[in-house]
Amino acid sequence: MVVNKNIPSAFAGEALACLQAVHLGQALGFPDVIVEGDALTVIHKGQSPLFDSSILGANIQDIKWWAGLFRRCEFRHVPRKGYIVANLLAKEGLRTGTGSYLSGRVSDFAQQN
C-alpha cells in the first residue's frame, strides 16, 4: 500500500496504482507479472497497442513501457468485490497515514478484521 496525495480523479488514482504495480514488480525482480485492477478502462488501455491521447496518456505510456520490461505482463480486470483485503488495508493506511506492501502473506491487521 502506498499513500498518494493530490490525485485529481479516481481514474488518475487507478492509473497511478497500475504504474506503481509494474514498478514494484520490476523492483522485486519478477520476470512475469499479472496486474489486477478494478478499473476496466485502465486495464484496457494498458493492453491496447494504440497510443492513448487522454489526459492520462503519459501515465498509460509509462505503464506500457515498464510492462514491456517483463518477460510476460498480463493485465486482468477483477471486480471491486474481489478487493476486500485491499480495501481494508487502504482504509487502515489512510487512518494511520502509513504505507506497506504484502508479499506472500496477509497482514495481521487484515486477519483481525
PDB file of N, CA and C in Angstrom:
ATOM      1  N   MET A   1       0.842  -1.156   0.000  1.00  0.00           N
ATOM      2  CA  MET A   1       0.000   0.000   0.000  1.00  0.00           C
ATOM      3  C   MET A   1       0.892   1.225   0.000  1.00  0.00           C
ATOM      4  N   VAL A   2       0.567   2.153  -0.870  1.00  0.00           N
ATOM      5  CA  VAL A   2       1.273   3.428  -0.943  1.00  0.00           C
ATOM      6  C   VAL A   2       0.229   4.518  -0.793  1.00  0.00           C
ATOM      7  N   VAL A   3       0.481   5.475   0.067  1.00  0.00           N
ATOM      8  CA  VAL A   3      -0.436   6.588   0.256  1.00  0.00           C
ATOM      9  C   VAL A   3      -0.035   7.696  -0.713  1.00  0.00           C
ATOM     10  N   ASN A   4      -0.951   8.074  -1.604  1.00  0.00           N
ATOM     11  CA  ASN A   4      -0.729   9.154  -2.563  1.00  0.00           C
ATOM     12  C   ASN A   4      -1.653  10.307  -2.218  1.00  0.00           C
ATOM     13  N   LYS A   5      -1.159  11.517  -2.402  1.00  0.00           N
ATOM     14  CA  LYS A   5      -1.975  12.703  -2.112  1.00  0.00           C
ATOM     15  C   LYS A   5      -2.147  13.519  -3.381  1.00  0.00           C
ATOM     16  N   ASN A   6      -3.188  14.336  -3.400  1.00  0.00           N
ATOM     17  CA  ASN A   6      -3.469  15.261  -4.500  1.00  0.00           C
ATOM     18  C   ASN A   6      -3.690  14.553  -5.835  1.00  0.00           C
ATOM     19  N   ILE A   7      -4.448  13.475  -5.814  1.00  0.00           N
ATOM     20  CA  ILE A   7      -4.800  12.752  -7.030  1.00  0.00           C
ATOM     21  C   ILE A   7      -6.084  13.400  -7.567  1.00  0.00           C
ATOM     22  N   PRO A   8      -6.085  13.880  -8.832  1.00  0.00           N
ATOM     23  CA  PRO A   8      -7.210  14.670  -9.332  1.00  0.00           C
ATOM     24  C   PRO A   8      -8.504  13.900  -9.586  1.00  0.00           C
ATOM     25  N   SER A   9      -8.430  12.580  -9.789  1.00  0.00           N
ATOM     26  CA  SER A   9      -9.652  11.825 -10.069  1.00  0.00           C
ATOM     27  C   SER A   9      -9.432  10.355  -9.718  1.00  0.00           C
ATOM     28  N   ALA A  10     -10.528   9.629  -9.646  1.00  0.00           N
ATOM     29  CA  ALA A  10     -10.433   8.190  -9.382  1.00  0.00           C
ATOM     30  C   ALA A  10      -9.695   7.490 -10.516  1.00  0.00           C
ATOM     31  N   PHE A  11      -9.947   7.927 -11.752  1.00  0.00           N
ATOM     32  CA  PHE A  11      -9.266   7.335 -12.907  1.00  0.00           C
ATOM     33  C   PHE A  11      -7.760   7.565 -12.812  1.00  0.00           C
ATOM     34  N   ALA A  12      -7.361   8.774 -12.420  1.00  0.00           N
ATOM     35  CA  ALA A  12      -5.930   9.077 -12.253  1.00  0.00           C
ATOM     36  C   ALA A  12      -5.332   8.208 -11.153  1.00  0.00           C
ATOM     37  N   GLY A  13      -6.090   7.993 -10.087  1.00  0.00           N
ATOM     38  CA  GLY A  13      -5.621   7.134  -8.995  1.00  0.00           C
ATOM     39  C   GLY A  13      -5.435   5.697  -9.444  1.00  0.00           C
ATOM     40  N   GLU A  14      -6.358   5.199 -10.255  1.00  0.00           N
ATOM     41  CA  GLU A  14      -6.247   3.830 -10.770  1.00  0.00           C
ATOM     42  C   GLU A  14      -5.044   3.687 -11.702  1.00  0.00           C
ATOM     43  N   ALA A  15      -4.815   4.694 -12.559  1.00  0.00           N
ATOM     44  CA  ALA A  15      -3.662   4.647 -13.460  1.00  0.00           C
ATOM     45  C   ALA A  15      -2.360   4.696 -12.663  1.00  0.00           C
ATOM     46  N   LEU A  16      -2.307   5.537 -11.639  1.00  0.00           N
ATOM     47  CA  LEU A  16      -1.110   5.628 -10.794  1.00  0.00           C
ATOM     48  C   LEU A  16      -0.872   4.316 -10.056  1.00  0.00           C
ATOM     49  N   ALA A  17      -1.930   3.701  -9.552  1.00  0.00           N
ATOM     50  CA  ALA A  17      -1.789   2.411  -8.860  1.00  0.00           C
ATOM     51  C   ALA A  17      -1.255   1.340  -9.809  1.00  0.00           C
ATOM     52  N   CYS A  18      -1.727   1.339 -11.043  1.00  0.00           N
ATOM     53  CA  CYS A  18      -1.248   0.371 -12.036  1.00  0.00           C
ATOM     54  C   CYS A  18       0.235   0.605 -12.320  1.00  0.00           C
ATOM     55  N   LEU A  19       0.625   1.862 -12.483  1.00  0.00           N
ATOM     56  CA  LEU A  19       2.030   2.192 -12.723  1.00  0.00           C
ATOM     57  C   LEU A  19       2.895   1.760 -11.539  1.00  0.00           C
ATOM     58  N   GLN A  20       2.426   2.002 -10.330  1.00  0.00           N
ATOM     59  CA  GLN A  20       3.174   1.595  -9.144  1.00  0.00           C
ATOM     60  C   GLN A  20       3.281   0.075  -9.054  1.00  0.00           C
ATOM     61  N   ALA A  21       2.260  -0.639  -9.529  1.00  0.00           N
ATOM     62  CA  ALA A  21       2.305  -2.105  -9.508  1.00  0.00           C
ATOM     63  C   ALA A  21       3.397  -2.637 -10.435  1.00  0.00           C
ATOM     64  N   VAL A  22       3.511  -2.065 -11.639  1.00  0.00           N
ATOM     65  CA  VAL A  22       4.557  -2.550 -12.536  1.00  0.00           C
ATOM     66  C   VAL A  22       5.943  -2.129 -12.040  1.00  0.00           C
ATOM     67  N   HIS A  23       6.044  -0.944 -11.418  1.00  0.00           N
ATOM     68  CA  HIS A  23       7.317  -0.547 -10.794  1.00  0.00           C
ATOM     69  C   HIS A  23       7.723  -1.543  -9.710  1.00  0.00           C
ATOM     70  N   LEU A  24       6.766  -1.929  -8.870  1.00  0.00           N
ATOM     71  CA  LEU A  24       7.054  -2.865  -7.780  1.00  0.00           C
ATOM     72  C   LEU A  24       7.499  -4.214  -8.321  1.00  0.00           C
ATOM     73  N   GLY A  25       6.826  -4.697  -9.352  1.00  0.00           N
ATOM     74  CA  GLY A  25       7.214  -5.972  -9.957  1.00  0.00           C
ATOM     75  C   GLY A  25       8.644  -5.937 -10.467  1.00  0.00           C
ATOM     76  N   GLN A  26       9.037  -4.824 -11.077  1.00  0.00           N
ATOM     77  CA  GLN A  26      10.417  -4.671 -11.551  1.00  0.00           C
ATOM     78  C   GLN A  26      11.390  -4.602 -10.379  1.00  0.00           C
ATOM     79  N   ALA A  27      11.034  -3.820  -9.360  1.00  0.00           N
ATOM     80  CA  ALA A  27      11.913  -3.659  -8.194  1.00  0.00           C
ATOM     81  C   ALA A  27      12.150  -4.985  -7.477  1.00  0.00           C
ATOM     82  N   LEU A  28      11.140  -5.847  -7.481  1.00  0.00           N
ATOM     83  CA  LEU A  28      11.269  -7.147  -6.828  1.00  0.00           C
ATOM     84  C   LEU A  28      11.898  -8.190  -7.750  1.00  0.00           C
ATOM     85  N   GLY A  29      12.138  -7.811  -9.004  1.00  0.00           N
ATOM     86  CA  GLY A  29      12.828  -8.704  -9.933  1.00  0.00           C
ATOM     87  C   GLY A  29      11.987  -9.819 -10.514  1.00  0.00           C
ATOM     88  N   PHE A  30      10.671  -9.659 -10.536  1.00  0.00           N
ATOM     89  CA  PHE A  30       9.817 -10.698 -11.097  1.00  0.00           C
ATOM     90  C   PHE A  30       9.929 -10.707 -12.618  1.00  0.00           C
ATOM     91  N   PRO A  31      10.113 -11.876 -13.235  1.00  0.00           N
ATOM     92  CA  PRO A  31      10.170 -11.925 -14.700  1.00  0.00           C
ATOM     93  C   PRO A  31       8.780 -11.853 -15.344  1.00  0.00           C
ATOM     94  N   ASP A  32       7.774 -12.340 -14.631  1.00  0.00           N
ATOM     95  CA  ASP A  32       6.394 -12.370 -15.121  1.00  0.00           C
ATOM     96  C   ASP A  32       5.495 -11.750 -14.065  1.00  0.00           C
ATOM     97  N   VAL A  33       4.516 -10.959 -14.489  1.00  0.00           N
ATOM     98  CA  VAL A  33       3.571 -10.382 -13.540  1.00  0.00           C
ATOM     99  C   VAL A  33       2.163 -10.393 -14.113  1.00  0.00           C
ATOM    100  N   ILE A  34       1.213 -10.408 -13.212  1.00  0.00           N
ATOM    101  CA  ILE A  34      -0.193 -10.208 -13.551  1.00  0.00           C
ATOM    102  C   ILE A  34      -0.635  -9.010 -12.725  1.00  0.00           C
ATOM    103  N   VAL A  35      -1.056  -7.963 -13.410  1.00  0.00           N
ATOM    104  CA  VAL A  35      -1.527  -6.751 -12.751  1.00  0.00           C
ATOM    105  C   VAL A  35      -3.042  -6.814 -12.739  1.00  0.00           C
ATOM    106  N   GLU A  36      -3.616  -6.849 -11.541  1.00  0.00           N
ATOM    107  CA  GLU A  36      -5.065  -6.925 -11.398  1.00  0.00           C
ATOM    108  C   GLU A  36      -5.596  -5.590 -10.911  1.00  0.00           C
ATOM    109  N   GLY A  37      -6.738  -5.200 -11.461  1.00  0.00           N
ATOM    110  CA  GLY A  37      -7.358  -3.956 -11.041  1.00  0.00           C
ATOM    111  C   GLY A  37      -8.837  -3.958 -11.349  1.00  0.00           C
ATOM    112  N   ASP A  38      -9.556  -3.045 -10.698  1.00  0.00           N
ATOM    113  CA  ASP A  38     -10.999  -2.980 -10.915  1.00  0.00           C
ATOM    114  C   ASP A  38     -11.383  -1.861 -11.875  1.00  0.00           C
ATOM    115  N   ALA A  39     -10.409  -1.099 -12.371  1.00  0.00           N
ATOM    116  CA  ALA A  39     -10.691  -0.038 -13.339  1.00  0.00           C
ATOM    117  C   ALA A  39     -10.540  -0.608 -14.744  1.00  0.00           C
ATOM    118  N   LEU A  40     -11.648  -1.000 -15.320  1.00  0.00           N
ATOM    119  CA  LEU A  40     -11.636  -1.660 -16.626  1.00  0.00           C
ATOM    120  C   LEU A  40     -10.997  -0.781 -17.703  1.00  0.00           C
ATOM    121  N   THR A  41     -11.206   0.528 -17.635  1.00  0.00           N
ATOM    122  CA  THR A  41     -10.624   1.430 -18.633  1.00  0.00           C
ATOM    123  C   THR A  41      -9.109   1.393 -18.580  1.00  0.00           C
ATOM    124  N   VAL A  42      -8.519   1.427 -17.387  1.00  0.00           N
ATOM    125  CA  VAL A  42      -7.063   1.391 -17.243  1.00  0.00           C
ATOM    126  C   VAL A  42      -6.530   0.045 -17.732  1.00  0.00           C
ATOM    127  N   ILE A  43      -7.217  -1.035 -17.415  1.00  0.00           N
ATOM    128  CA  ILE A  43      -6.805  -2.376 -17.865  1.00  0.00           C
ATOM    129  C   ILE A  43      -6.811  -2.434 -19.393  1.00  0.00           C
ATOM    130  N   HIS A  44      -7.882  -1.955 -20.022  1.00  0.00           N
ATOM    131  CA  HIS A  44      -7.967  -1.976 -21.488  1.00  0.00           C
ATOM    132  C   HIS A  44      -6.896  -1.097 -22.121  1.00  0.00           C
ATOM    133  N   LYS A  45      -6.673   0.087 -21.577  1.00  0.00           N
ATOM    134  CA  LYS A  45      -5.659   0.983 -22.139  1.00  0.00           C
ATOM    135  C   LYS A  45      -4.257   0.401 -21.961  1.00  0.00           C
ATOM    136  N   GLY A  46      -4.016  -0.291 -20.865  1.00  0.00           N
ATOM    137  CA  GLY A  46      -2.717  -0.928 -20.641  1.00  0.00           C
ATOM    138  C   GLY A  46      -2.442  -2.044 -21.631  1.00  0.00           C
ATOM    139  N   GLN A  47      -3.489  -2.716 -22.077  1.00  0.00           N
ATOM    140  CA  GLN A  47      -3.356  -3.819 -23.018  1.00  0.00           C
ATOM    141  C   GLN A  47      -3.331  -3.358 -24.471  1.00  0.00           C
ATOM    142  N   SER A  48      -3.874  -2.203 -24.740  1.00  0.00           N
ATOM    143  CA  SER A  48      -4.038  -1.737 -26.112  1.00  0.00           C
ATOM    144  C   SER A  48      -2.705  -1.320 -26.743  1.00  0.00           C
ATOM    145  N   PRO A  49      -2.483  -1.707 -28.009  1.00  0.00           N
ATOM    146  CA  PRO A  49      -1.272  -1.262 -28.700  1.00  0.00           C
ATOM    147  C   PRO A  49      -1.381   0.182 -29.205  1.00  0.00           C
ATOM    148  N   LEU A  50      -2.570   0.764 -29.104  1.00  0.00           N
ATOM    149  CA  LEU A  50      -2.798   2.119 -29.610  1.00  0.00           C
ATOM    150  C   LEU A  50      -2.253   3.178 -28.656  1.00  0.00           C
ATOM    151  N   PHE A  51      -1.874   4.318 -29.211  1.00  0.00           N
ATOM    152  CA  PHE A  51      -1.434   5.450 -28.400  1.00  0.00           C
ATOM    153  C   PHE A  51      -2.633   6.041 -27.688  1.00  0.00           C
ATOM    154  N   ASP A  52      -2.486   6.364 -26.424  1.00  0.00           N
ATOM    155  CA  ASP A  52      -3.567   6.941 -25.640  1.00  0.00           C
ATOM    156  C   ASP A  52      -3.409   8.456 -25.611  1.00  0.00           C
ATOM    157  N   SER A  53      -4.389   9.171 -26.154  1.00  0.00           N
ATOM    158  CA  SER A  53      -4.313  10.627 -26.201  1.00  0.00           C
ATOM    159  C   SER A  53      -5.122  11.295 -25.090  1.00  0.00           C
ATOM    160  N   SER A  54      -5.571  10.518 -24.107  1.00  0.00           N
ATOM    161  CA  SER A  54      -6.336  11.096 -22.997  1.00  0.00           C
ATOM    162  C   SER A  54      -5.413  11.905 -22.097  1.00  0.00           C
ATOM    163  N   ILE A  55      -5.987  12.562 -21.119  1.00  0.00           N
ATOM    164  CA  ILE A  55      -5.207  13.380 -20.193  1.00  0.00           C
ATOM    165  C   ILE A  55      -4.205  12.539 -19.402  1.00  0.00           C
ATOM    166  N   LEU A  56      -4.481  11.246 -19.281  1.00  0.00           N
ATOM    167  CA  LEU A  56      -3.566  10.352 -18.573  1.00  0.00           C
ATOM    168  C   LEU A  56      -2.704   9.541 -19.525  1.00  0.00           C
ATOM    169  N   GLY A  57      -2.624   9.983 -20.769  1.00  0.00           N
ATOM    170  CA  GLY A  57      -1.859   9.262 -21.778  1.00  0.00           C
ATOM    171  C   GLY A  57      -0.413   9.014 -21.379  1.00  0.00           C
ATOM    172  N   ALA A  58       0.214   9.995 -20.719  1.00  0.00           N
ATOM    173  CA  ALA A  58       1.613   9.828 -20.292  1.00  0.00           C
ATOM    174  C   ALA A  58       1.728   8.693 -19.273  1.00  0.00           C
ATOM    175  N   ASN A  59       0.772   8.619 -18.343  1.00  0.00           N
ATOM    176  CA  ASN A  59       0.794   7.527 -17.359  1.00  0.00           C
ATOM    177  C   ASN A  59       0.591   6.182 -18.044  1.00  0.00           C
ATOM    178  N   ILE A  60      -0.321   6.134 -19.003  1.00  0.00           N
ATOM    179  CA  ILE A  60      -0.586   4.885 -19.722  1.00  0.00           C
ATOM    180  C   ILE A  60       0.658   4.466 -20.505  1.00  0.00           C
ATOM    181  N   GLN A  61       1.332   5.416 -21.154  1.00  0.00           N
ATOM    182  CA  GLN A  61       2.553   5.097 -21.895  1.00  0.00           C
ATOM    183  C   GLN A  61       3.634   4.586 -20.943  1.00  0.00           C
ATOM    184  N   ASP A  62       3.747   5.195 -19.760  1.00  0.00           N
ATOM    185  CA  ASP A  62       4.716   4.711 -18.757  1.00  0.00           C
ATOM    186  C   ASP A  62       4.389   3.285 -18.328  1.00  0.00           C
ATOM    187  N   ILE A  63       3.110   3.007 -18.117  1.00  0.00           N
ATOM    188  CA  ILE A  63       2.687   1.653 -17.735  1.00  0.00           C
ATOM    189  C   ILE A  63       3.113   0.659 -18.813  1.00  0.00           C
ATOM    190  N   LYS A  64       2.851   1.005 -20.069  1.00  0.00           N
ATOM    191  CA  LYS A  64       3.201   0.111 -21.179  1.00  0.00           C
ATOM    192  C   LYS A  64       4.720  -0.088 -21.269  1.00  0.00           C
ATOM    193  N   TRP A  65       5.482   0.999 -21.081  1.00  0.00           N
ATOM    194  CA  TRP A  65       6.938   0.886 -21.172  1.00  0.00           C
ATOM    195  C   TRP A  65       7.474  -0.035 -20.088  1.00  0.00           C
ATOM    196  N   TRP A  66       7.067   0.190 -18.838  1.00  0.00           N
ATOM    197  CA  TRP A  66       7.521  -0.654 -17.732  1.00  0.00           C
ATOM    198  C   TRP A  66       7.051  -2.086 -17.909  1.00  0.00           C
ATOM    199  N   ALA A  67       5.805  -2.263 -18.374  1.00  0.00           N
ATOM    200  CA  ALA A  67       5.273  -3.619 -18.592  1.00  0.00           C
ATOM    201  C   ALA A  67       6.090  -4.352 -19.643  1.00  0.00           C
ATOM    202  N   GLY A  68       6.626  -3.632 -20.616  1.00  0.00           N
ATOM    203  CA  GLY A  68       7.422  -4.242 -21.666  1.00  0.00           C
ATOM    204  C   GLY A  68       8.758  -4.785 -21.196  1.00  0.00           C
ATOM    205  N   LEU A  69       9.169  -4.430 -19.980  1.00  0.00           N
ATOM    206  CA  LEU A  69      10.439  -4.917 -19.434  1.00  0.00           C
ATOM    207  C   LEU A  69      10.325  -6.332 -18.864  1.00  0.00           C
ATOM    208  N   PHE A  70       9.088  -6.790 -18.643  1.00  0.00           N
ATOM    209  CA  PHE A  70       8.872  -8.143 -18.125  1.00  0.00           C
ATOM    210  C   PHE A  70       8.923  -9.151 -19.263  1.00  0.00           C
ATOM    211  N   ARG A  71       9.250 -10.375 -18.925  1.00  0.00           N
ATOM    212  CA  ARG A  71       9.148 -11.453 -19.903  1.00  0.00           C
ATOM    213  C   ARG A  71       7.681 -11.586 -20.321  1.00  0.00           C
ATOM    214  N   ARG A  72       6.788 -11.474 -19.332  1.00  0.00           N
ATOM    215  CA  ARG A  72       5.347 -11.531 -19.585  1.00  0.00           C
ATOM    216  C   ARG A  72       4.647 -10.634 -18.578  1.00  0.00           C
ATOM    217  N   CYS A  73       3.791  -9.770 -19.055  1.00  0.00           N
ATOM    218  CA  CYS A  73       2.989  -8.912 -18.190  1.00  0.00           C
ATOM    219  C   CYS A  73       1.557  -8.953 -18.686  1.00  0.00           C
ATOM    220  N   GLU A  74       0.672  -9.370 -17.815  1.00  0.00           N
ATOM    221  CA  GLU A  74      -0.738  -9.511 -18.168  1.00  0.00           C
ATOM    222  C   GLU A  74      -1.563  -8.583 -17.290  1.00  0.00           C
ATOM    223  N   PHE A  75      -2.546  -7.923 -17.888  1.00  0.00           N
ATOM    224  CA  PHE A  75      -3.466  -7.051 -17.143  1.00  0.00           C
ATOM    225  C   PHE A  75      -4.808  -7.754 -17.059  1.00  0.00           C
ATOM    226  N   ARG A  76      -5.355  -7.830 -15.846  1.00  0.00           N
ATOM    227  CA  ARG A  76      -6.641  -8.511 -15.646  1.00  0.00           C
ATOM    228  C   ARG A  76      -7.593  -7.625 -14.864  1.00  0.00           C
ATOM    229  N   HIS A  77      -8.849  -7.678 -15.280  1.00  0.00           N
ATOM    230  CA  HIS A  77      -9.890  -6.967 -14.537  1.00  0.00           C
ATOM    231  C   HIS A  77     -10.403  -7.870 -13.415  1.00  0.00           C
ATOM    232  N   VAL A  78     -10.504  -7.315 -12.231  1.00  0.00           N
ATOM    233  CA  VAL A  78     -11.054  -8.017 -11.077  1.00  0.00           C
ATOM    234  C   VAL A  78     -12.159  -7.136 -10.500  1.00  0.00           C
ATOM    235  N   PRO A  79     -13.369  -7.673 -10.331  1.00  0.00           N
ATOM    236  CA  PRO A  79     -14.453  -6.856  -9.768  1.00  0.00           C
ATOM    237  C   PRO A  79     -14.078  -6.303  -8.389  1.00  0.00           C
ATOM    238  N   ARG A  80     -14.617  -5.154  -8.084  1.00  0.00           N
ATOM    239  CA  ARG A  80     -14.302  -4.481  -6.819  1.00  0.00           C
ATOM    240  C   ARG A  80     -14.546  -5.370  -5.602  1.00  0.00           C
ATOM    241  N   LYS A  81     -15.539  -6.251  -5.664  1.00  0.00           N
ATOM    242  CA  LYS A  81     -15.815  -7.120  -4.511  1.00  0.00           C
ATOM    243  C   LYS A  81     -14.666  -8.095  -4.241  1.00  0.00           C
ATOM    244  N   GLY A  82     -13.773  -8.272  -5.195  1.00  0.00           N
ATOM    245  CA  GLY A  82     -12.612  -9.134  -5.007  1.00  0.00           C
ATOM    246  C   GLY A  82     -11.484  -8.462  -4.238  1.00  0.00           C
ATOM    247  N   TYR A  83     -11.709  -7.229  -3.831  1.00  0.00           N
ATOM    248  CA  TYR A  83     -10.668  -6.445  -3.167  1.00  0.00           C
ATOM    249  C   TYR A  83     -10.961  -6.183  -1.690  1.00  0.00           C
ATOM    250  N   ILE A  84     -11.540  -7.127  -1.012  1.00  0.00           N
ATOM    251  CA  ILE A  84     -11.917  -6.916   0.389  1.00  0.00           C
ATOM    252  C   ILE A  84     -10.688  -6.611   1.238  1.00  0.00           C
ATOM    253  N   VAL A  85      -9.638  -7.413   1.123  1.00  0.00           N
ATOM    254  CA  VAL A  85      -8.423  -7.197   1.919  1.00  0.00           C
ATOM    255  C   VAL A  85      -7.740  -5.902   1.502  1.00  0.00           C
ATOM    256  N   ALA A  86      -7.678  -5.630   0.194  1.00  0.00           N
ATOM    257  CA  ALA A  86      -7.047  -4.394  -0.281  1.00  0.00           C
ATOM    258  C   ALA A  86      -7.784  -3.175   0.255  1.00  0.00           C
ATOM    259  N   ASN A  87      -9.108  -3.224   0.294  1.00  0.00           N
ATOM    260  CA  ASN A  87      -9.872  -2.101   0.826  1.00  0.00           C
ATOM    261  C   ASN A  87      -9.622  -1.921   2.319  1.00  0.00           C
ATOM    262  N   LEU A  88      -9.550  -3.016   3.063  1.00  0.00           N
ATOM    263  CA  LEU A  88      -9.237  -2.926   4.496  1.00  0.00           C
ATOM    264  C   LEU A  88      -7.878  -2.268   4.708  1.00  0.00           C
ATOM    265  N   LEU A  89      -6.890  -2.697   3.937  1.00  0.00           N
ATOM    266  CA  LEU A  89      -5.541  -2.138   4.076  1.00  0.00           C
ATOM    267  C   LEU A  89      -5.504  -0.663   3.681  1.00  0.00           C
ATOM    268  N   ALA A  90      -6.228  -0.306   2.624  1.00  0.00           N
ATOM    269  CA  ALA A  90      -6.260   1.089   2.194  1.00  0.00           C
ATOM    270  C   ALA A  90      -6.884   1.976   3.265  1.00  0.00           C
ATOM    271  N   LYS A  91      -7.975   1.536   3.846  1.00  0.00           N
ATOM    272  CA  LYS A  91      -8.628   2.318   4.898  1.00  0.00           C
ATOM    273  C   LYS A  91      -7.712   2.472   6.109  1.00  0.00           C
ATOM    274  N   GLU A  92      -7.021   1.408   6.480  1.00  0.00           N
ATOM    275  CA  GLU A  92      -6.093   1.475   7.611  1.00  0.00           C
ATOM    276  C   GLU A  92      -4.921   2.398   7.284  1.00  0.00           C
ATOM    277  N   GLY A  93      -4.423   2.350   6.056  1.00  0.00           N
ATOM    278  CA  GLY A  93      -3.338   3.235   5.654  1.00  0.00           C
ATOM    279  C   GLY A  93      -3.745   4.691   5.696  1.00  0.00           C
ATOM    280  N   LEU A  94      -4.967   4.992   5.262  1.00  0.00           N
ATOM    281  CA  LEU A  94      -5.450   6.369   5.328  1.00  0.00           C
ATOM    282  C   LEU A  94      -5.644   6.820   6.772  1.00  0.00           C
ATOM    283  N   ARG A  95      -6.115   5.904   7.603  1.00  0.00           N
ATOM    284  CA  ARG A  95      -6.347   6.241   9.011  1.00  0.00           C
ATOM    285  C   ARG A  95      -5.030   6.539   9.728  1.00  0.00           C
ATOM    286  N   THR A  96      -4.011   5.731   9.444  1.00  0.00           N
ATOM    287  CA  THR A  96      -2.739   5.871  10.165  1.00  0.00           C
ATOM    288  C   THR A  96      -1.710   6.711   9.412  1.00  0.00           C
ATOM    289  N   GLY A  97      -1.953   6.956   8.105  1.00  0.00           N
ATOM    290  CA  GLY A  97      -1.000   7.725   7.314  1.00  0.00           C
ATOM    291  C   GLY A  97       0.265   6.952   6.987  1.00  0.00           C
ATOM    292  N   THR A  98       0.180   5.632   6.976  1.00  0.00           N
ATOM    293  CA  THR A  98       1.348   4.796   6.684  1.00  0.00           C
ATOM    294  C   THR A  98       1.117   3.975   5.431  1.00  0.00           C
ATOM    295  N   GLY A  99       2.178   3.466   4.861  1.00  0.00           N
ATOM    296  CA  GLY A  99       2.102   2.612   3.690  1.00  0.00           C
ATOM    297  C   GLY A  99       2.791   1.293   3.964  1.00  0.00           C
ATOM    298  N   SER A 100       2.457   0.282   3.174  1.00  0.00           N
ATOM    299  CA  SER A 100       3.087  -1.024   3.318  1.00  0.00           C
ATOM    300  C   SER A 100       2.810  -1.833   2.057  1.00  0.00           C
ATOM    301  N   TYR A 101       3.447  -2.985   1.943  1.00  0.00           N
ATOM    302  CA  TYR A 101       3.090  -3.909   0.878  1.00  0.00           C
ATOM    303  C   TYR A 101       3.216  -5.326   1.411  1.00  0.00           C
ATOM    304  N   LEU A 102       2.483  -6.225   0.784  1.00  0.00           N
ATOM    305  CA  LEU A 102       2.449  -7.618   1.218  1.00  0.00           C
ATOM    306  C   LEU A 102       3.104  -8.476   0.156  1.00  0.00           C
ATOM    307  N   SER A 103       3.810  -9.474   0.586  1.00  0.00           N
ATOM    308  CA  SER A 103       4.383 -10.431  -0.348  1.00  0.00           C
ATOM    309  C   SER A 103       4.214 -11.823   0.236  1.00  0.00           C
ATOM    310  N   GLY A 104       3.240 -12.559  -0.290  1.00  0.00           N
ATOM    311  CA  GLY A 104       3.034 -13.938   0.119  1.00  0.00           C
ATOM    312  C   GLY A 104       2.326 -14.130   1.445  1.00  0.00           C
ATOM    313  N   ARG A 105       1.724 -13.064   1.988  1.00  0.00           N
ATOM    314  CA  ARG A 105       1.011 -13.234   3.251  1.00  0.00           C
ATOM    315  C   ARG A 105      -0.044 -12.139   3.400  1.00  0.00           C
ATOM    316  N   VAL A 106      -0.928 -12.314   4.356  1.00  0.00           N
ATOM    317  CA  VAL A 106      -1.942 -11.326   4.687  1.00  0.00           C
ATOM    318  C   VAL A 106      -1.502 -10.645   5.984  1.00  0.00           C
ATOM    319  N   SER A 107      -1.644  -9.323   6.019  1.00  0.00           N
ATOM    320  CA  SER A 107      -1.176  -8.583   7.204  1.00  0.00           C
ATOM    321  C   SER A 107      -1.970  -8.971   8.449  1.00  0.00           C
ATOM    322  N   ASP A 108      -1.374  -8.755   9.599  1.00  0.00           N
ATOM    323  CA  ASP A 108      -2.044  -9.044  10.875  1.00  0.00           C
ATOM    324  C   ASP A 108      -3.331  -8.218  10.982  1.00  0.00           C
ATOM    325  N   PHE A 109      -3.275  -6.942  10.546  1.00  0.00           N
ATOM    326  CA  PHE A 109      -4.465  -6.090  10.617  1.00  0.00           C
ATOM    327  C   PHE A 109      -5.618  -6.693   9.821  1.00  0.00           C
ATOM    328  N   ALA A 110      -5.358  -7.144   8.587  1.00  0.00           N
ATOM    329  CA  ALA A 110      -6.408  -7.700   7.740  1.00  0.00           C
ATOM    330  C   ALA A 110      -6.960  -9.001   8.326  1.00  0.00           C
ATOM    331  N   GLN A 111      -6.111  -9.814   8.928  1.00  0.00           N
ATOM    332  CA  GLN A 111      -6.567 -11.072   9.527  1.00  0.00           C
ATOM    333  C   GLN A 111      -7.486 -10.810  10.713  1.00  0.00           C
ATOM    334  N   GLN A 112      -7.242  -9.738  11.459  1.00  0.00           N
ATOM    335  CA  GLN A 112      -8.063  -9.415  12.628  1.00  0.00           C
ATOM    336  C   GLN A 112      -9.446  -8.905  12.231  1.00  0.00           C
ATOM    337  N   ASN A 113      -9.557  -8.366  11.013  1.00  0.00           N
ATOM    338  CA  ASN A 113     -10.829  -7.806  10.558  1.00  0.00           C
ATOM    339  C   ASN A 113     -11.493  -8.790   9.641  1.00  0.00           C
TER     340      ASN A 113
END
